[in-house]
């Protein structure tokens, strides 16, 4: 019975150490991915001043305070509504809406 209890304690300790090592590895990977994304601009939500300087790409995420008219003027695409049938009303544009743009 004592040997069985010792094995159970050793297994518990090994499980805790493995879990701790896995959590540390996960934090390390997530931290390195977040830093790499900021440098390359990949997969990050861009707000504020960085949003204004962002070039128009084919897939565009509407920012706060933007309208289809302002996006069309900045990106040079007057046919935004025709290419985005999911936008029913041009006045119903909200931050986070994804639209298709043909850059010049």
PDB file of N, CA and C in Angstrom:
ATOM      1  N   UNK A   1       0.822  -1.182   0.000  1.00  0.00           N
ATOM      2  CA  UNK A   1       0.000   0.000   0.000  1.00  0.00           C
ATOM      3  C   UNK A   1       0.871   1.254   0.000  1.00  0.00           C
ATOM      4  N   UNK A   2       1.998   1.205   0.729  1.00  0.00           N
ATOM      5  CA  UNK A   2       2.889   2.366   0.781  1.00  0.00           C
ATOM      6  C   UNK A   2       3.550   2.586  -0.576  1.00  0.00           C
ATOM      7  N   UNK A   3       3.930   1.489  -1.248  1.00  0.00           N
ATOM      8  CA  UNK A   3       4.534   1.612  -2.577  1.00  0.00           C
ATOM      9  C   UNK A   3       3.541   2.169  -3.586  1.00  0.00           C
ATOM     10  N   UNK A   4       2.297   1.777  -3.428  1.00  0.00           N
ATOM     11  CA  UNK A   4       1.253   2.276  -4.329  1.00  0.00           C
ATOM     12  C   UNK A   4       1.035   3.768  -4.128  1.00  0.00           C
ATOM     13  N   UNK A   5       1.075   4.222  -2.896  1.00  0.00           N
ATOM     14  CA  UNK A   5       0.898   5.629  -2.584  1.00  0.00           C
ATOM     15  C   UNK A   5       2.079   6.448  -3.105  1.00  0.00           C
ATOM     16  N   UNK A   6       3.295   5.883  -3.008  1.00  0.00           N
ATOM     17  CA  UNK A   6       4.498   6.576  -3.472  1.00  0.00           C
ATOM     18  C   UNK A   6       4.446   6.738  -4.986  1.00  0.00           C
ATOM     19  N   UNK A   7       4.025   5.716  -5.697  1.00  0.00           N
ATOM     20  CA  UNK A   7       3.914   5.792  -7.143  1.00  0.00           C
ATOM     21  C   UNK A   7       2.879   6.837  -7.551  1.00  0.00           C
ATOM     22  N   UNK A   8       1.787   6.905  -6.839  1.00  0.00           N
ATOM     23  CA  UNK A   8       0.738   7.874  -7.136  1.00  0.00           C
ATOM     24  C   UNK A   8       1.262   9.299  -6.910  1.00  0.00           C
ATOM     25  N   UNK A   9       2.020   9.504  -5.849  1.00  0.00           N
ATOM     26  CA  UNK A   9       2.597  10.823  -5.575  1.00  0.00           C
ATOM     27  C   UNK A   9       3.611  11.215  -6.631  1.00  0.00           C
ATOM     28  N   UNK A  10       4.416  10.276  -7.077  1.00  0.00           N
ATOM     29  CA  UNK A  10       5.407  10.543  -8.123  1.00  0.00           C
ATOM     30  C   UNK A  10       4.710  10.869  -9.433  1.00  0.00           C
ATOM     31  N   UNK A  11       3.654  10.129  -9.738  1.00  0.00           N
ATOM     32  CA  UNK A  11       2.905  10.393 -10.964  1.00  0.00           C
ATOM     33  C   UNK A  11       2.241  11.761 -10.902  1.00  0.00           C
ATOM     34  N   UNK A  12       1.709  12.133  -9.742  1.00  0.00           N
ATOM     35  CA  UNK A  12       1.099  13.456  -9.595  1.00  0.00           C
ATOM     36  C   UNK A  12       2.136  14.554  -9.784  1.00  0.00           C
ATOM     37  N   UNK A  13       3.304  14.377  -9.177  1.00  0.00           N
ATOM     38  CA  UNK A  13       4.360  15.382  -9.319  1.00  0.00           C
ATOM     39  C   UNK A  13       4.816  15.500 -10.766  1.00  0.00           C
ATOM     40  N   UNK A  14       4.960  14.375 -11.451  1.00  0.00           N
ATOM     41  CA  UNK A  14       5.363  14.406 -12.855  1.00  0.00           C
ATOM     42  C   UNK A  14       4.298  15.087 -13.711  1.00  0.00           C
ATOM     43  N   UNK A  15       3.047  14.836 -13.415  1.00  0.00           N
ATOM     44  CA  UNK A  15       1.961  15.481 -14.158  1.00  0.00           C
ATOM     45  C   UNK A  15       1.983  16.986 -13.966  1.00  0.00           C
ATOM     46  N   UNK A  16       2.206  17.430 -12.725  1.00  0.00           N
ATOM     47  CA  UNK A  16       2.258  18.868 -12.461  1.00  0.00           C
ATOM     48  C   UNK A  16       3.432  19.512 -13.196  1.00  0.00           C
ATOM     49  N   UNK A  17       4.588  18.870 -13.189  1.00  0.00           N
ATOM     50  CA  UNK A  17       5.753  19.437 -13.875  1.00  0.00           C
ATOM     51  C   UNK A  17       5.538  19.486 -15.385  1.00  0.00           C
ATOM     52  N   UNK A  18       4.924  18.450 -15.931  1.00  0.00           N
ATOM     53  CA  UNK A  18       4.630  18.452 -17.368  1.00  0.00           C
ATOM     54  C   UNK A  18       3.625  19.547 -17.720  1.00  0.00           C
ATOM     55  N   UNK A  19       2.620  19.711 -16.883  1.00  0.00           N
ATOM     56  CA  UNK A  19       1.633  20.768 -17.110  1.00  0.00           C
ATOM     57  C   UNK A  19       2.250  22.152 -17.023  1.00  0.00           C
ATOM     58  N   UNK A  20       3.139  22.347 -16.054  1.00  0.00           N
ATOM     59  CA  UNK A  20       3.821  23.621 -15.898  1.00  0.00           C
ATOM     60  C   UNK A  20       4.725  23.905 -17.096  1.00  0.00           C
ATOM     61  N   UNK A  21       5.437  22.894 -17.569  1.00  0.00           N
ATOM     62  CA  UNK A  21       6.307  23.061 -18.732  1.00  0.00           C
ATOM     63  C   UNK A  21       5.481  23.362 -19.979  1.00  0.00           C
ATOM     64  N   UNK A  22       4.342  22.711 -20.139  1.00  0.00           N
ATOM     65  CA  UNK A  22       3.471  22.956 -21.283  1.00  0.00           C
ATOM     66  C   UNK A  22       2.903  24.374 -21.248  1.00  0.00           C
ATOM     67  N   UNK A  23       2.495  24.832 -20.079  1.00  0.00           N
ATOM     68  CA  UNK A  23       1.974  26.196 -19.949  1.00  0.00           C
ATOM     69  C   UNK A  23       3.055  27.223 -20.263  1.00  0.00           C
ATOM     70  N   UNK A  24       4.279  27.000 -19.789  1.00  0.00           N
ATOM     71  CA  UNK A  24       5.381  27.919 -20.079  1.00  0.00           C
ATOM     72  C   UNK A  24       5.691  27.944 -21.572  1.00  0.00           C
ATOM     73  N   UNK A  25       5.679  26.795 -22.197  1.00  0.00           N
ATOM     74  CA  UNK A  25       5.929  26.716 -23.636  1.00  0.00           C
ATOM     75  C   UNK A  25       4.837  27.436 -24.423  1.00  0.00           C
ATOM     76  N   UNK A  26       3.606  27.264 -24.002  1.00  0.00           N
ATOM     77  CA  UNK A  26       2.488  27.926 -24.656  1.00  0.00           C
ATOM     78  C   UNK A  26       2.604  29.443 -24.541  1.00  0.00           C
ATOM     79  N   UNK A  27       2.943  29.936 -23.366  1.00  0.00           N
ATOM     80  CA  UNK A  27       3.137  31.378 -23.184  1.00  0.00           C
ATOM     81  C   UNK A  27       4.284  31.892 -24.035  1.00  0.00           C
ATOM     82  N   UNK A  28       5.332  31.140 -24.146  1.00  0.00           N
ATOM     83  CA  UNK A  28       6.475  31.536 -24.958  1.00  0.00           C
ATOM     84  C   UNK A  28       6.099  31.629 -26.436  1.00  0.00           C
ATOM     85  N   UNK A  29       5.361  30.650 -26.934  1.00  0.00           N
ATOM     86  CA  UNK A  29       4.964  30.635 -28.341  1.00  0.00           C
ATOM     87  C   UNK A  29       3.992  31.780 -28.631  1.00  0.00           C
ATOM     88  N   UNK A  30       3.011  31.988 -27.771  1.00  0.00           N
ATOM     89  CA  UNK A  30       2.040  33.059 -27.985  1.00  0.00           C
ATOM     90  C   UNK A  30       2.732  34.419 -27.939  1.00  0.00           C
ATOM     91  N   UNK A  31       3.656  34.594 -27.032  1.00  0.00           N
ATOM     92  CA  UNK A  31       4.390  35.857 -26.948  1.00  0.00           C
ATOM     93  C   UNK A  31       5.230  36.116 -28.179  1.00  0.00           C
ATOM     94  N   UNK A  32       5.871  35.092 -28.710  1.00  0.00           N
ATOM     95  CA  UNK A  32       6.696  35.292 -29.902  1.00  0.00           C
ATOM     96  C   UNK A  32       5.835  35.543 -31.130  1.00  0.00           C
ATOM     97  N   UNK A  33       4.657  34.917 -31.210  1.00  0.00           N
ATOM     98  CA  UNK A  33       3.772  35.172 -32.344  1.00  0.00           C
ATOM     99  C   UNK A  33       3.213  36.581 -32.306  1.00  0.00           C
ATOM    100  N   UNK A  34       2.894  37.087 -31.124  1.00  0.00           N
ATOM    101  CA  UNK A  34       2.368  38.443 -31.012  1.00  0.00           C
ATOM    102  C   UNK A  34       3.421  39.461 -31.427  1.00  0.00           C
ATOM    103  N   UNK A  35       4.659  39.248 -31.040  1.00  0.00           N
ATOM    104  CA  UNK A  35       5.730  40.164 -31.422  1.00  0.00           C
ATOM    105  C   UNK A  35       6.004  40.122 -32.905  1.00  0.00           C
ATOM    106  N   UNK A  36       5.964  38.961 -33.509  1.00  0.00           N
ATOM    107  CA  UNK A  36       6.211  38.839 -34.944  1.00  0.00           C
ATOM    108  C   UNK A  36       5.078  39.470 -35.736  1.00  0.00           C
ATOM    109  N   UNK A  37       3.855  39.368 -35.249  1.00  0.00           N
ATOM    110  CA  UNK A  37       2.726  39.961 -35.954  1.00  0.00           C
ATOM    111  C   UNK A  37       2.792  41.471 -35.968  1.00  0.00           C
ATOM    112  N   UNK A  38       3.288  42.096 -34.912  1.00  0.00           N
ATOM    113  CA  UNK A  38       3.397  43.547 -34.884  1.00  0.00           C
ATOM    114  C   UNK A  38       4.417  44.032 -35.898  1.00  0.00           C
ATOM    115  N   UNK A  39       5.510  43.301 -36.054  1.00  0.00           N
ATOM    116  CA  UNK A  39       6.543  43.723 -36.979  1.00  0.00           C
ATOM    117  C   UNK A  39       6.079  43.611 -38.416  1.00  0.00           C
ATOM    118  N   UNK A  40       5.387  42.541 -38.747  1.00  0.00           N
ATOM    119  CA  UNK A  40       4.968  42.309 -40.126  1.00  0.00           C
ATOM    120  C   UNK A  40       3.578  42.866 -40.399  1.00  0.00           C
ATOM    121  N   UNK A  41       2.827  43.174 -39.361  1.00  0.00           N
ATOM    122  CA  UNK A  41       1.464  43.651 -39.560  1.00  0.00           C
ATOM    123  C   UNK A  41       0.493  42.541 -39.903  1.00  0.00           C
ATOM    124  N   UNK A  42       0.844  41.302 -39.660  1.00  0.00           N
ATOM    125  CA  UNK A  42      -0.002  40.189 -40.042  1.00  0.00           C
ATOM    126  C   UNK A  42      -0.965  39.792 -38.956  1.00  0.00           C
ATOM    127  N   UNK A  43      -2.251  39.804 -39.254  1.00  0.00           N
ATOM    128  CA  UNK A  43      -3.244  39.296 -38.339  1.00  0.00           C
ATOM    129  C   UNK A  43      -3.565  40.185 -37.164  1.00  0.00           C
ATOM    130  N   UNK A  44      -3.168  41.444 -37.180  1.00  0.00           N
ATOM    131  CA  UNK A  44      -3.459  42.334 -36.079  1.00  0.00           C
ATOM    132  C   UNK A  44      -4.586  43.280 -36.435  1.00  0.00           C
ATOM    133  N   UNK A  45      -5.330  43.677 -35.433  1.00  0.00           N
ATOM    134  CA  UNK A  45      -6.357  44.683 -35.636  1.00  0.00           C
ATOM    135  C   UNK A  45      -5.669  46.040 -35.565  1.00  0.00           C
ATOM    136  N   UNK A  46      -5.850  46.840 -36.597  1.00  0.00           N
ATOM    137  CA  UNK A  46      -5.185  48.133 -36.682  1.00  0.00           C
ATOM    138  C   UNK A  46      -6.209  49.215 -36.393  1.00  0.00           C
ATOM    139  N   UNK A  47      -5.902  50.071 -35.422  1.00  0.00           N
ATOM    140  CA  UNK A  47      -6.816  51.149 -35.060  1.00  0.00           C
ATOM    141  C   UNK A  47      -6.060  52.465 -34.988  1.00  0.00           C
ATOM    142  N   UNK A  48      -6.806  53.542 -34.970  1.00  0.00           N
ATOM    143  CA  UNK A  48      -6.227  54.860 -34.744  1.00  0.00           C
ATOM    144  C   UNK A  48      -5.398  55.350 -35.910  1.00  0.00           C
ATOM    145  N   UNK A  49      -4.250  55.955 -35.588  1.00  0.00           N
ATOM    146  CA  UNK A  49      -3.406  56.567 -36.611  1.00  0.00           C
ATOM    147  C   UNK A  49      -2.878  55.532 -37.596  1.00  0.00           C
ATOM    148  N   UNK A  50      -2.614  54.324 -37.128  1.00  0.00           N
ATOM    149  CA  UNK A  50      -2.117  53.288 -38.039  1.00  0.00           C
ATOM    150  C   UNK A  50      -3.176  52.901 -39.059  1.00  0.00           C
ATOM    151  N   UNK A  51      -4.457  53.068 -38.712  1.00  0.00           N
ATOM    152  CA  UNK A  51      -5.525  52.742 -39.640  1.00  0.00           C
ATOM    153  C   UNK A  51      -5.528  53.713 -40.812  1.00  0.00           C
ATOM    154  N   UNK A  52      -5.255  54.993 -40.551  1.00  0.00           N
ATOM    155  CA  UNK A  52      -5.274  56.004 -41.598  1.00  0.00           C
ATOM    156  C   UNK A  52      -4.122  55.821 -42.580  1.00  0.00           C
ATOM    157  N   UNK A  53      -3.007  55.285 -42.126  1.00  0.00           N
ATOM    158  CA  UNK A  53      -1.845  55.134 -42.997  1.00  0.00           C
ATOM    159  C   UNK A  53      -1.806  53.778 -43.699  1.00  0.00           C
ATOM    160  N   UNK A  54      -2.747  52.911 -43.391  1.00  0.00           N
ATOM    161  CA  UNK A  54      -2.766  51.582 -43.990  1.00  0.00           C
ATOM    162  C   UNK A  54      -3.166  51.676 -45.457  1.00  0.00           C
ATOM    163  N   UNK A  55      -2.451  51.004 -46.359  1.00  0.00           N
ATOM    164  CA  UNK A  55      -2.846  51.032 -47.766  1.00  0.00           C
ATOM    165  C   UNK A  55      -4.127  50.223 -47.981  1.00  0.00           C
ATOM    166  N   UNK A  56      -4.830  50.540 -49.021  1.00  0.00           N
ATOM    167  CA  UNK A  56      -6.057  49.812 -49.349  1.00  0.00           C
ATOM    168  C   UNK A  56      -5.682  48.475 -49.971  1.00  0.00           C
ATOM    169  N   UNK A  57      -6.199  47.418 -49.404  1.00  0.00           N
ATOM    170  CA  UNK A  57      -5.961  46.084 -49.909  1.00  0.00           C
ATOM    171  C   UNK A  57      -7.277  45.517 -50.419  1.00  0.00           C
ATOM    172  N   UNK A  58      -7.227  44.360 -51.040  1.00  0.00           N
ATOM    173  CA  UNK A  58      -8.440  43.767 -51.599  1.00  0.00           C
ATOM    174  C   UNK A  58      -9.473  43.451 -50.536  1.00  0.00           C
ATOM    175  N   UNK A  59      -9.032  42.950 -49.397  1.00  0.00           N
ATOM    176  CA  UNK A  59      -9.942  42.688 -48.280  1.00  0.00           C
ATOM    177  C   UNK A  59      -9.712  43.793 -47.267  1.00  0.00           C
ATOM    178  N   UNK A  60     -10.750  44.560 -47.002  1.00  0.00           N
ATOM    179  CA  UNK A  60     -10.642  45.762 -46.167  1.00  0.00           C
ATOM    180  C   UNK A  60     -11.571  45.627 -44.974  1.00  0.00           C
ATOM    181  N   UNK A  61     -11.078  45.964 -43.788  1.00  0.00           N
ATOM    182  CA  UNK A  61     -11.885  45.950 -42.577  1.00  0.00           C
ATOM    183  C   UNK A  61     -12.210  47.396 -42.226  1.00  0.00           C
ATOM    184  N   UNK A  62     -13.491  47.705 -42.156  1.00  0.00           N
ATOM    185  CA  UNK A  62     -13.948  49.062 -41.897  1.00  0.00           C
ATOM    186  C   UNK A  62     -13.553  49.467 -40.478  1.00  0.00           C
ATOM    187  N   UNK A  63     -13.012  50.665 -40.353  1.00  0.00           N
ATOM    188  CA  UNK A  63     -12.616  51.201 -39.059  1.00  0.00           C
ATOM    189  C   UNK A  63     -13.681  52.122 -38.500  1.00  0.00           C
ATOM    190  N   UNK A  64     -13.483  52.544 -37.270  1.00  0.00           N
ATOM    191  CA  UNK A  64     -14.442  53.409 -36.598  1.00  0.00           C
ATOM    192  C   UNK A  64     -14.487  54.774 -37.283  1.00  0.00           C
ATOM    193  N   UNK A  65     -15.690  55.263 -37.555  1.00  0.00           N
ATOM    194  CA  UNK A  65     -15.876  56.564 -38.167  1.00  0.00           C
ATOM    195  C   UNK A  65     -15.774  56.571 -39.679  1.00  0.00           C
ATOM    196  N   UNK A  66     -15.545  55.426 -40.296  1.00  0.00           N
ATOM    197  CA  UNK A  66     -15.439  55.368 -41.743  1.00  0.00           C
ATOM    198  C   UNK A  66     -16.807  55.135 -42.380  1.00  0.00           C
ATOM    199  N   UNK A  67     -16.979  55.673 -43.571  1.00  0.00           N
ATOM    200  CA  UNK A  67     -18.183  55.437 -44.367  1.00  0.00           C
ATOM    201  C   UNK A  67     -17.748  54.824 -45.690  1.00  0.00           C
ATOM    202  N   UNK A  68     -18.714  54.283 -46.428  1.00  0.00           N
ATOM    203  CA  UNK A  68     -18.371  53.738 -47.736  1.00  0.00           C
ATOM    204  C   UNK A  68     -17.857  54.834 -48.667  1.00  0.00           C
ATOM    205  N   UNK A  69     -18.393  56.035 -48.501  1.00  0.00           N
ATOM    206  CA  UNK A  69     -17.938  57.150 -49.329  1.00  0.00           C
ATOM    207  C   UNK A  69     -16.484  57.499 -49.026  1.00  0.00           C
ATOM    208  N   UNK A  70     -16.121  57.561 -47.743  1.00  0.00           N
ATOM    209  CA  UNK A  70     -14.735  57.907 -47.397  1.00  0.00           C
ATOM    210  C   UNK A  70     -13.765  56.802 -47.813  1.00  0.00           C
ATOM    211  N   UNK A  71     -14.183  55.557 -47.694  1.00  0.00           N
ATOM    212  CA  UNK A  71     -13.335  54.437 -48.114  1.00  0.00           C
ATOM    213  C   UNK A  71     -13.171  54.456 -49.629  1.00  0.00           C
ATOM    214  N   UNK A  72     -14.261  54.716 -50.335  1.00  0.00           N
ATOM    215  CA  UNK A  72     -14.218  54.771 -51.791  1.00  0.00           C
ATOM    216  C   UNK A  72     -13.297  55.897 -52.263  1.00  0.00           C
ATOM    217  N   UNK A  73     -13.363  57.045 -51.608  1.00  0.00           N
ATOM    218  CA  UNK A  73     -12.520  58.175 -51.992  1.00  0.00           C
ATOM    219  C   UNK A  73     -11.052  57.887 -51.707  1.00  0.00           C
ATOM    220  N   UNK A  74     -10.764  57.291 -50.568  1.00  0.00           N
ATOM    221  CA  UNK A  74      -9.374  57.027 -50.211  1.00  0.00           C
ATOM    222  C   UNK A  74      -8.777  55.908 -51.056  1.00  0.00           C
ATOM    223  N   UNK A  75      -9.557  54.886 -51.336  1.00  0.00           N
ATOM    224  CA  UNK A  75      -9.033  53.721 -52.051  1.00  0.00           C
ATOM    225  C   UNK A  75      -9.205  53.825 -53.560  1.00  0.00           C
ATOM    226  N   UNK A  76      -9.982  54.786 -54.033  1.00  0.00           N
ATOM    227  CA  UNK A  76     -10.166  54.950 -55.461  1.00  0.00           C
ATOM    228  C   UNK A  76     -11.034  53.886 -56.094  1.00  0.00           C
ATOM    229  N   UNK A  77     -12.005  53.358 -55.351  1.00  0.00           N
ATOM    230  CA  UNK A  77     -12.895  52.321 -55.875  1.00  0.00           C
ATOM    231  C   UNK A  77     -14.342  52.798 -55.759  1.00  0.00           C
ATOM    232  N   UNK A  78     -14.948  53.279 -56.849  1.00  0.00           N
ATOM    233  CA  UNK A  78     -16.325  53.782 -56.773  1.00  0.00           C
ATOM    234  C   UNK A  78     -17.388  52.677 -56.798  1.00  0.00           C
ATOM    235  N   UNK A  79     -16.991  51.418 -56.955  1.00  0.00           N
ATOM    236  CA  UNK A  79     -17.958  50.325 -57.100  1.00  0.00           C
ATOM    237  C   UNK A  79     -17.968  49.389 -55.889  1.00  0.00           C
ATOM    238  N   UNK A  80     -17.834  49.937 -54.712  1.00  0.00           N
ATOM    239  CA  UNK A  80     -17.781  49.099 -53.499  1.00  0.00           C
ATOM    240  C   UNK A  80     -19.103  48.366 -53.286  1.00  0.00           C
ATOM    241  N   UNK A  81     -20.231  49.052 -53.448  1.00  0.00           N
ATOM    242  CA  UNK A  81     -21.530  48.412 -53.204  1.00  0.00           C
ATOM    243  C   UNK A  81     -21.802  47.272 -54.177  1.00  0.00           C
ATOM    244  N   UNK A  82     -21.399  47.422 -55.430  1.00  0.00           N
ATOM    245  CA  UNK A  82     -21.656  46.376 -56.406  1.00  0.00           C
ATOM    246  C   UNK A  82     -20.860  45.108 -56.115  1.00  0.00           C
ATOM    247  N   UNK A  83     -19.676  45.255 -55.538  1.00  0.00           N
ATOM    248  CA  UNK A  83     -18.824  44.096 -55.267  1.00  0.00           C
ATOM    249  C   UNK A  83     -19.092  43.463 -53.905  1.00  0.00           C
ATOM    250  N   UNK A  84     -19.931  44.094 -53.100  1.00  0.00           N
ATOM    251  CA  UNK A  84     -20.215  43.602 -51.750  1.00  0.00           C
ATOM    252  C   UNK A  84     -21.720  43.447 -51.551  1.00  0.00           C
ATOM    253  N   UNK A  85     -22.308  42.358 -52.054  1.00  0.00           N
ATOM    254  CA  UNK A  85     -23.761  42.188 -51.934  1.00  0.00           C
ATOM    255  C   UNK A  85     -24.224  41.991 -50.485  1.00  0.00           C
ATOM    256  N   UNK A  86     -23.317  41.676 -49.570  1.00  0.00           N
ATOM    257  CA  UNK A  86     -23.710  41.507 -48.175  1.00  0.00           C
ATOM    258  C   UNK A  86     -23.967  42.849 -47.494  1.00  0.00           C
ATOM    259  N   UNK A  87     -23.577  43.968 -48.128  1.00  0.00           N
ATOM    260  CA  UNK A  87     -23.876  45.304 -47.597  1.00  0.00           C
ATOM    261  C   UNK A  87     -25.170  45.752 -48.254  1.00  0.00           C
ATOM    262  N   UNK A  88     -26.275  45.673 -47.518  1.00  0.00           N
ATOM    263  CA  UNK A  88     -27.586  46.009 -48.066  1.00  0.00           C
ATOM    264  C   UNK A  88     -27.812  47.522 -48.105  1.00  0.00           C
ATOM    265  N   UNK A  89     -27.371  48.216 -47.074  1.00  0.00           N
ATOM    266  CA  UNK A  89     -27.608  49.650 -46.953  1.00  0.00           C
ATOM    267  C   UNK A  89     -26.263  50.355 -46.805  1.00  0.00           C
ATOM    268  N   UNK A  90     -25.941  51.314 -47.674  1.00  0.00           N
ATOM    269  CA  UNK A  90     -24.644  51.983 -47.567  1.00  0.00           C
ATOM    270  C   UNK A  90     -24.480  52.779 -46.278  1.00  0.00           C
ATOM    271  N   UNK A  91     -25.588  53.102 -45.619  1.00  0.00           N
ATOM    272  CA  UNK A  91     -25.499  53.820 -44.345  1.00  0.00           C
ATOM    273  C   UNK A  91     -25.290  52.874 -43.168  1.00  0.00           C
ATOM    274  N   UNK A  92     -25.439  51.577 -43.389  1.00  0.00           N
ATOM    275  CA  UNK A  92     -25.299  50.589 -42.313  1.00  0.00           C
ATOM    276  C   UNK A  92     -23.911  49.954 -42.359  1.00  0.00           C
ATOM    277  N   UNK A  93     -22.890  50.798 -42.228  1.00  0.00           N
ATOM    278  CA  UNK A  93     -21.508  50.343 -42.221  1.00  0.00           C
ATOM    279  C   UNK A  93     -20.990  50.517 -40.799  1.00  0.00           C
ATOM    280  N   UNK A  94     -20.359  49.493 -40.269  1.00  0.00           N
ATOM    281  CA  UNK A  94     -19.922  49.513 -38.878  1.00  0.00           C
ATOM    282  C   UNK A  94     -18.477  49.040 -38.785  1.00  0.00           C
ATOM    283  N   UNK A  95     -17.772  49.419 -37.709  1.00  0.00           N
ATOM    284  CA  UNK A  95     -16.388  48.959 -37.535  1.00  0.00           C
ATOM    285  C   UNK A  95     -16.323  47.439 -37.467  1.00  0.00           C
ATOM    286  N   UNK A  96     -15.377  46.878 -38.210  1.00  0.00           N
ATOM    287  CA  UNK A  96     -15.204  45.437 -38.238  1.00  0.00           C
ATOM    288  C   UNK A  96     -15.834  44.782 -39.454  1.00  0.00           C
ATOM    289  N   UNK A  97     -16.653  45.513 -40.201  1.00  0.00           N
ATOM    290  CA  UNK A  97     -17.265  44.970 -41.416  1.00  0.00           C
ATOM    291  C   UNK A  97     -16.177  44.721 -42.443  1.00  0.00           C
ATOM    292  N   UNK A  98     -16.198  43.557 -43.050  1.00  0.00           N
ATOM    293  CA  UNK A  98     -15.191  43.191 -44.050  1.00  0.00           C
ATOM    294  C   UNK A  98     -15.800  43.406 -45.431  1.00  0.00           C
ATOM    295  N   UNK A  99     -15.089  44.194 -46.249  1.00  0.00           N
ATOM    296  CA  UNK A  99     -15.573  44.472 -47.601  1.00  0.00           C
ATOM    297  C   UNK A  99     -14.474  44.175 -48.606  1.00  0.00           C
ATOM    298  N   UNK A 100     -14.882  43.972 -49.846  1.00  0.00           N
ATOM    299  CA  UNK A 100     -13.980  43.681 -50.955  1.00  0.00           C
ATOM    300  C   UNK A 100     -13.723  44.976 -51.706  1.00  0.00           C
ATOM    301  N   UNK A 101     -12.457  45.289 -51.966  1.00  0.00           N
ATOM    302  CA  UNK A 101     -12.075  46.499 -52.672  1.00  0.00           C
ATOM    303  C   UNK A 101     -11.125  46.120 -53.789  1.00  0.00           C
ATOM    304  N   UNK A 102     -11.277  46.790 -54.926  1.00  0.00           N
ATOM    305  CA  UNK A 102     -10.317  46.637 -56.006  1.00  0.00           C
ATOM    306  C   UNK A 102      -9.376  47.836 -55.946  1.00  0.00           C
ATOM    307  N   UNK A 103      -8.155  47.637 -55.430  1.00  0.00           N
ATOM    308  CA  UNK A 103      -7.238  48.768 -55.324  1.00  0.00           C
ATOM    309  C   UNK A 103      -6.795  49.239 -56.704  1.00  0.00           C
ATOM    310  N   UNK A 104      -6.490  50.543 -56.817  1.00  0.00           N
ATOM    311  CA  UNK A 104      -6.056  51.067 -58.122  1.00  0.00           C
ATOM    312  C   UNK A 104      -4.739  50.496 -58.566  1.00  0.00           C
TER     313      UNK A 104
END
